[in-house]
Amino acid sequence: MQRVTISLSDELAQAFDELMARRGYSSRSEAVRDMLRRELGEEDLGRGAGGPCVAVLSYVFDHHERQLSSRLTGLQHDHHDMAIATMHAHINHDDCIETVILRGDSAKVESFARSVIAETGVRHGQVQLIPTAAASGAGMGYRRPGKR
């Protein structure tokens, strides 16, 4: 582990300490590490760098839409290696919400999520991709693909 020293204005340091308190961090170091991991991971995903990820896909759909429930279930079965868990809840007489936890290559996961959201009768769909560490399980630090 390397030590990095930064200088902050009093106002920025106070705002950072307040953010840490709201989010439950016990140290500035852990808060900065999490922010860097998130920023670097989002940058990689934004560049289309691919790599492993987990994702949460949530969408509201009209369960009266012809064959939609069957199509959605079929899509998940067709991608059983990617769709690892699903939660379904009834919002009202017409609408349901589903949340699907996905895992795999970020480009494939995003493509699958977009295909679900594009189904006729699905609305308010959203996917959040979260980059994961290499399969080695070294989840504590961030490692750019191809770097040691």
C-alpha atoms as a PDB file:
ATOM      1  CA  MET A   1       0.000   0.000   0.000  1.00  0.00           C
ATOM      2  CA  GLN A   2       1.227   3.504  -0.798  1.00  0.00           C
ATOM      3  CA  ARG A   3       0.674   6.651   1.243  1.00  0.00           C
ATOM      4  CA  VAL A   4      -0.579   9.715  -0.668  1.00  0.00           C
ATOM      5  CA  THR A   5      -0.803  13.173   0.864  1.00  0.00           C
ATOM      6  CA  ILE A   6      -3.202  15.802  -0.491  1.00  0.00           C
ATOM      7  CA  SER A   7      -3.969  19.382   0.469  1.00  0.00           C
ATOM      8  CA  LEU A   8      -7.572  20.587   0.743  1.00  0.00           C
ATOM      9  CA  SER A   9      -9.047  23.975   1.520  1.00  0.00           C
ATOM     10  CA  ASP A  10     -10.725  24.177   4.931  1.00  0.00           C
ATOM     11  CA  GLU A  11     -14.144  24.325   3.255  1.00  0.00           C
ATOM     12  CA  LEU A  12     -13.497  21.280   1.072  1.00  0.00           C
ATOM     13  CA  ALA A  13     -12.085  19.305   4.021  1.00  0.00           C
ATOM     14  CA  GLN A  14     -15.160  20.148   6.112  1.00  0.00           C
ATOM     15  CA  ALA A  15     -17.517  19.171   3.277  1.00  0.00           C
ATOM     16  CA  PHE A  16     -15.585  15.908   2.831  1.00  0.00           C
ATOM     17  CA  ASP A  17     -15.786  15.126   6.560  1.00  0.00           C
ATOM     18  CA  GLU A  18     -19.547  15.769   6.480  1.00  0.00           C
ATOM     19  CA  LEU A  19     -19.914  13.468   3.454  1.00  0.00           C
ATOM     20  CA  MET A  20     -17.912  10.784   5.282  1.00  0.00           C
ATOM     21  CA  ALA A  21     -20.175  11.073   8.321  1.00  0.00           C
ATOM     22  CA  ARG A  22     -23.353  10.820   6.206  1.00  0.00           C
ATOM     23  CA  ARG A  23     -22.027   7.731   4.456  1.00  0.00           C
ATOM     24  CA  GLY A  24     -20.638   6.106   7.589  1.00  0.00           C
ATOM     25  CA  TYR A  25     -16.922   6.105   6.800  1.00  0.00           C
ATOM     26  CA  SER A  26     -14.583   5.797   9.763  1.00  0.00           C
ATOM     27  CA  SER A  27     -11.545   7.194   7.951  1.00  0.00           C
ATOM     28  CA  ARG A  28     -10.707   9.616   5.187  1.00  0.00           C
ATOM     29  CA  SER A  29      -8.481   6.962   3.606  1.00  0.00           C
ATOM     30  CA  GLU A  30     -11.321   4.483   3.116  1.00  0.00           C
ATOM     31  CA  ALA A  31     -13.595   7.205   1.734  1.00  0.00           C
ATOM     32  CA  VAL A  32     -10.949   8.306  -0.784  1.00  0.00           C
ATOM     33  CA  ARG A  33     -10.225   4.676  -1.778  1.00  0.00           C
ATOM     34  CA  ASP A  34     -13.933   4.044  -2.451  1.00  0.00           C
ATOM     35  CA  MET A  35     -14.259   7.240  -4.488  1.00  0.00           C
ATOM     36  CA  LEU A  36     -11.197   6.347  -6.565  1.00  0.00           C
ATOM     37  CA  ARG A  37     -12.407   2.776  -7.166  1.00  0.00           C
ATOM     38  CA  ARG A  38     -15.800   4.063  -8.268  1.00  0.00           C
ATOM     39  CA  GLU A  39     -14.381   6.792 -10.505  1.00  0.00           C
ATOM     40  CA  LEU A  40     -11.790   4.531 -12.149  1.00  0.00           C
ATOM     41  CA  GLY A  41     -14.322   1.738 -12.635  1.00  0.00           C
ATOM     42  CA  GLU A  42     -16.894   4.095 -14.167  1.00  0.00           C
ATOM     43  CA  GLU A  43     -14.232   5.527 -16.458  1.00  0.00           C
ATOM     44  CA  ASP A  44     -13.331   2.035 -17.675  1.00  0.00           C
ATOM     45  CA  LEU A  45     -16.999   1.171 -18.245  1.00  0.00           C
ATOM     46  CA  GLY A  46     -17.569   4.508 -19.993  1.00  0.00           C
ATOM     47  CA  ARG A  47     -14.656   3.878 -22.343  1.00  0.00           C
ATOM     48  CA  GLY A  48     -16.080   0.501 -23.222  1.00  0.00           C
ATOM     49  CA  ALA A  49     -13.043  -1.165 -21.658  1.00  0.00           C
ATOM     50  CA  GLY A  50     -15.211  -4.138 -20.754  1.00  0.00           C
ATOM     51  CA  GLY A  51     -14.186  -6.421 -17.986  1.00  0.00           C
ATOM     52  CA  PRO A  52     -16.124  -8.249 -15.338  1.00  0.00           C
ATOM     53  CA  CYS A  53     -19.024  -6.589 -13.574  1.00  0.00           C
ATOM     54  CA  VAL A  54     -22.125  -7.158 -11.546  1.00  0.00           C
ATOM     55  CA  ALA A  55     -25.233  -5.179 -12.336  1.00  0.00           C
ATOM     56  CA  VAL A  56     -28.686  -4.403 -11.055  1.00  0.00           C
ATOM     57  CA  LEU A  57     -31.401  -4.221 -13.705  1.00  0.00           C
ATOM     58  CA  SER A  58     -34.754  -2.860 -12.520  1.00  0.00           C
ATOM     59  CA  TYR A  59     -37.841  -2.271 -14.596  1.00  0.00           C
ATOM     60  CA  VAL A  60     -41.570  -1.755 -14.294  1.00  0.00           C
ATOM     61  CA  PHE A  61     -43.823  -3.599 -16.708  1.00  0.00           C
ATOM     62  CA  ASP A  62     -47.489  -4.094 -17.502  1.00  0.00           C
ATOM     63  CA  HIS A  63     -48.219  -7.700 -16.635  1.00  0.00           C
ATOM     64  CA  HIS A  64     -51.292  -7.606 -18.905  1.00  0.00           C
ATOM     65  CA  GLU A  65     -49.054  -7.059 -21.950  1.00  0.00           C
ATOM     66  CA  ARG A  66     -49.456 -10.105 -24.172  1.00  0.00           C
ATOM     67  CA  GLN A  67     -46.813 -12.761 -23.427  1.00  0.00           C
ATOM     68  CA  LEU A  68     -44.490 -10.206 -21.788  1.00  0.00           C
ATOM     69  CA  SER A  69     -43.949 -12.169 -18.574  1.00  0.00           C
ATOM     70  CA  SER A  70     -43.082 -15.253 -20.639  1.00  0.00           C
ATOM     71  CA  ARG A  71     -40.726 -13.267 -22.877  1.00  0.00           C
ATOM     72  CA  LEU A  72     -38.941 -11.741 -19.876  1.00  0.00           C
ATOM     73  CA  THR A  73     -38.580 -15.130 -18.206  1.00  0.00           C
ATOM     74  CA  GLY A  74     -37.355 -16.617 -21.494  1.00  0.00           C
ATOM     75  CA  LEU A  75     -34.713 -13.897 -21.860  1.00  0.00           C
ATOM     76  CA  GLN A  76     -33.432 -14.610 -18.366  1.00  0.00           C
ATOM     77  CA  HIS A  77     -33.336 -18.374 -19.008  1.00  0.00           C
ATOM     78  CA  ASP A  78     -31.540 -17.801 -22.300  1.00  0.00           C
ATOM     79  CA  HIS A  79     -28.906 -15.866 -20.315  1.00  0.00           C
ATOM     80  CA  HIS A  80     -28.869 -18.071 -17.198  1.00  0.00           C
ATOM     81  CA  ASP A  81     -25.110 -17.613 -16.914  1.00  0.00           C
ATOM     82  CA  MET A  82     -25.653 -13.873 -16.558  1.00  0.00           C
ATOM     83  CA  ALA A  83     -28.976 -13.544 -14.672  1.00  0.00           C
ATOM     84  CA  ILE A  84     -28.165 -14.900 -11.234  1.00  0.00           C
ATOM     85  CA  ALA A  85     -31.177 -13.728  -9.202  1.00  0.00           C
ATOM     86  CA  THR A  86     -34.544 -12.084  -9.769  1.00  0.00           C
ATOM     87  CA  MET A  87     -37.019 -10.422  -7.443  1.00  0.00           C
ATOM     88  CA  HIS A  88     -40.586  -9.773  -8.606  1.00  0.00           C
ATOM     89  CA  ALA A  89     -43.168  -7.588  -6.833  1.00  0.00           C
ATOM     90  CA  HIS A  90     -46.667  -6.360  -7.633  1.00  0.00           C
ATOM     91  CA  ILE A  91     -47.059  -2.580  -7.609  1.00  0.00           C
ATOM     92  CA  ASN A  92     -50.769  -2.411  -8.397  1.00  0.00           C
ATOM     93  CA  HIS A  93     -53.395  -4.273 -10.441  1.00  0.00           C
ATOM     94  CA  ASP A  94     -51.600  -3.598 -13.738  1.00  0.00           C
ATOM     95  CA  ASP A  95     -47.925  -3.068 -12.951  1.00  0.00           C
ATOM     96  CA  CYS A  96     -45.106  -5.211 -11.615  1.00  0.00           C
ATOM     97  CA  ILE A  97     -41.494  -4.440 -10.863  1.00  0.00           C
ATOM     98  CA  GLU A  98     -38.601  -6.811 -11.328  1.00  0.00           C
ATOM     99  CA  THR A  99     -35.024  -6.458 -10.205  1.00  0.00           C
ATOM    100  CA  VAL A 100     -32.468  -8.786 -11.752  1.00  0.00           C
ATOM    101  CA  ILE A 101     -28.921  -9.225 -10.500  1.00  0.00           C
ATOM    102  CA  LEU A 102     -26.556  -9.819 -13.394  1.00  0.00           C
ATOM    103  CA  ARG A 103     -22.923 -10.919 -13.599  1.00  0.00           C
ATOM    104  CA  GLY A 104     -20.512 -11.155 -16.516  1.00  0.00           C
ATOM    105  CA  ASP A 105     -18.611  -9.127 -19.085  1.00  0.00           C
ATOM    106  CA  SER A 106     -19.829  -5.536 -18.859  1.00  0.00           C
ATOM    107  CA  ALA A 107     -20.532  -5.179 -22.596  1.00  0.00           C
ATOM    108  CA  LYS A 108     -22.615  -8.377 -22.646  1.00  0.00           C
ATOM    109  CA  VAL A 109     -24.414  -7.494 -19.419  1.00  0.00           C
ATOM    110  CA  GLU A 110     -25.301  -4.032 -20.704  1.00  0.00           C
ATOM    111  CA  SER A 111     -26.478  -5.448 -24.040  1.00  0.00           C
ATOM    112  CA  PHE A 112     -28.720  -7.954 -22.279  1.00  0.00           C
ATOM    113  CA  ALA A 113     -30.129  -5.278 -19.955  1.00  0.00           C
ATOM    114  CA  ARG A 114     -30.894  -2.971 -22.889  1.00  0.00           C
ATOM    115  CA  SER A 115     -32.693  -5.812 -24.703  1.00  0.00           C
ATOM    116  CA  VAL A 116     -34.921  -6.383 -21.655  1.00  0.00           C
ATOM    117  CA  ILE A 117     -35.671  -2.663 -21.284  1.00  0.00           C
ATOM    118  CA  ALA A 118     -36.541  -2.466 -25.006  1.00  0.00           C
ATOM    119  CA  GLU A 119     -39.259  -5.146 -24.740  1.00  0.00           C
ATOM    120  CA  THR A 120     -42.735  -3.814 -25.546  1.00  0.00           C
ATOM    121  CA  GLY A 121     -44.579  -3.226 -22.260  1.00  0.00           C
ATOM    122  CA  VAL A 122     -41.436  -2.601 -20.201  1.00  0.00           C
ATOM    123  CA  ARG A 123     -41.102   0.929 -18.915  1.00  0.00           C
ATOM    124  CA  HIS A 124     -38.955   2.829 -16.455  1.00  0.00           C
ATOM    125  CA  GLY A 125     -36.051   0.418 -16.976  1.00  0.00           C
ATOM    126  CA  GLN A 126     -32.645   1.198 -15.546  1.00  0.00           C
ATOM    127  CA  VAL A 127     -29.379  -0.687 -15.239  1.00  0.00           C
ATOM    128  CA  GLN A 128     -26.440   0.057 -12.958  1.00  0.00           C
ATOM    129  CA  LEU A 129     -23.152  -1.647 -13.772  1.00  0.00           C
ATOM    130  CA  ILE A 130     -20.585  -2.090 -11.033  1.00  0.00           C
ATOM    131  CA  PRO A 131     -17.075  -3.109 -12.106  1.00  0.00           C
ATOM    132  CA  THR A 132     -15.583  -5.980 -10.133  1.00  0.00           C
ATOM    133  CA  ALA A 133     -12.010  -7.002  -9.476  1.00  0.00           C
ATOM    134  CA  ALA A 134     -10.382  -9.710 -11.554  1.00  0.00           C
ATOM    135  CA  ALA A 135     -11.520 -13.269 -10.913  1.00  0.00           C
ATOM    136  CA  SER A 136      -8.591 -13.687  -8.505  1.00  0.00           C
ATOM    137  CA  GLY A 137     -10.873 -12.308  -5.790  1.00  0.00           C
ATOM    138  CA  ALA A 138      -8.554  -9.397  -4.998  1.00  0.00           C
ATOM    139  CA  GLY A 139     -11.434  -7.033  -4.338  1.00  0.00           C
ATOM    140  CA  MET A 140      -9.623  -4.690  -1.948  1.00  0.00           C
ATOM    141  CA  GLY A 141      -7.585  -2.742  -4.477  1.00  0.00           C
ATOM    142  CA  TYR A 142      -8.240  -1.434  -7.935  1.00  0.00           C
ATOM    143  CA  ARG A 143      -6.230  -2.897 -10.768  1.00  0.00           C
ATOM    144  CA  ARG A 144      -6.572  -1.617 -14.304  1.00  0.00           C
ATOM    145  CA  PRO A 145      -6.822  -4.416 -16.875  1.00  0.00           C
ATOM    146  CA  GLY A 146      -3.346  -5.463 -18.005  1.00  0.00           C
ATOM    147  CA  LYS A 147      -1.575  -3.668 -15.124  1.00  0.00           C
ATOM    148  CA  ARG A 148       0.154  -5.220 -12.125  1.00  0.00           C
END
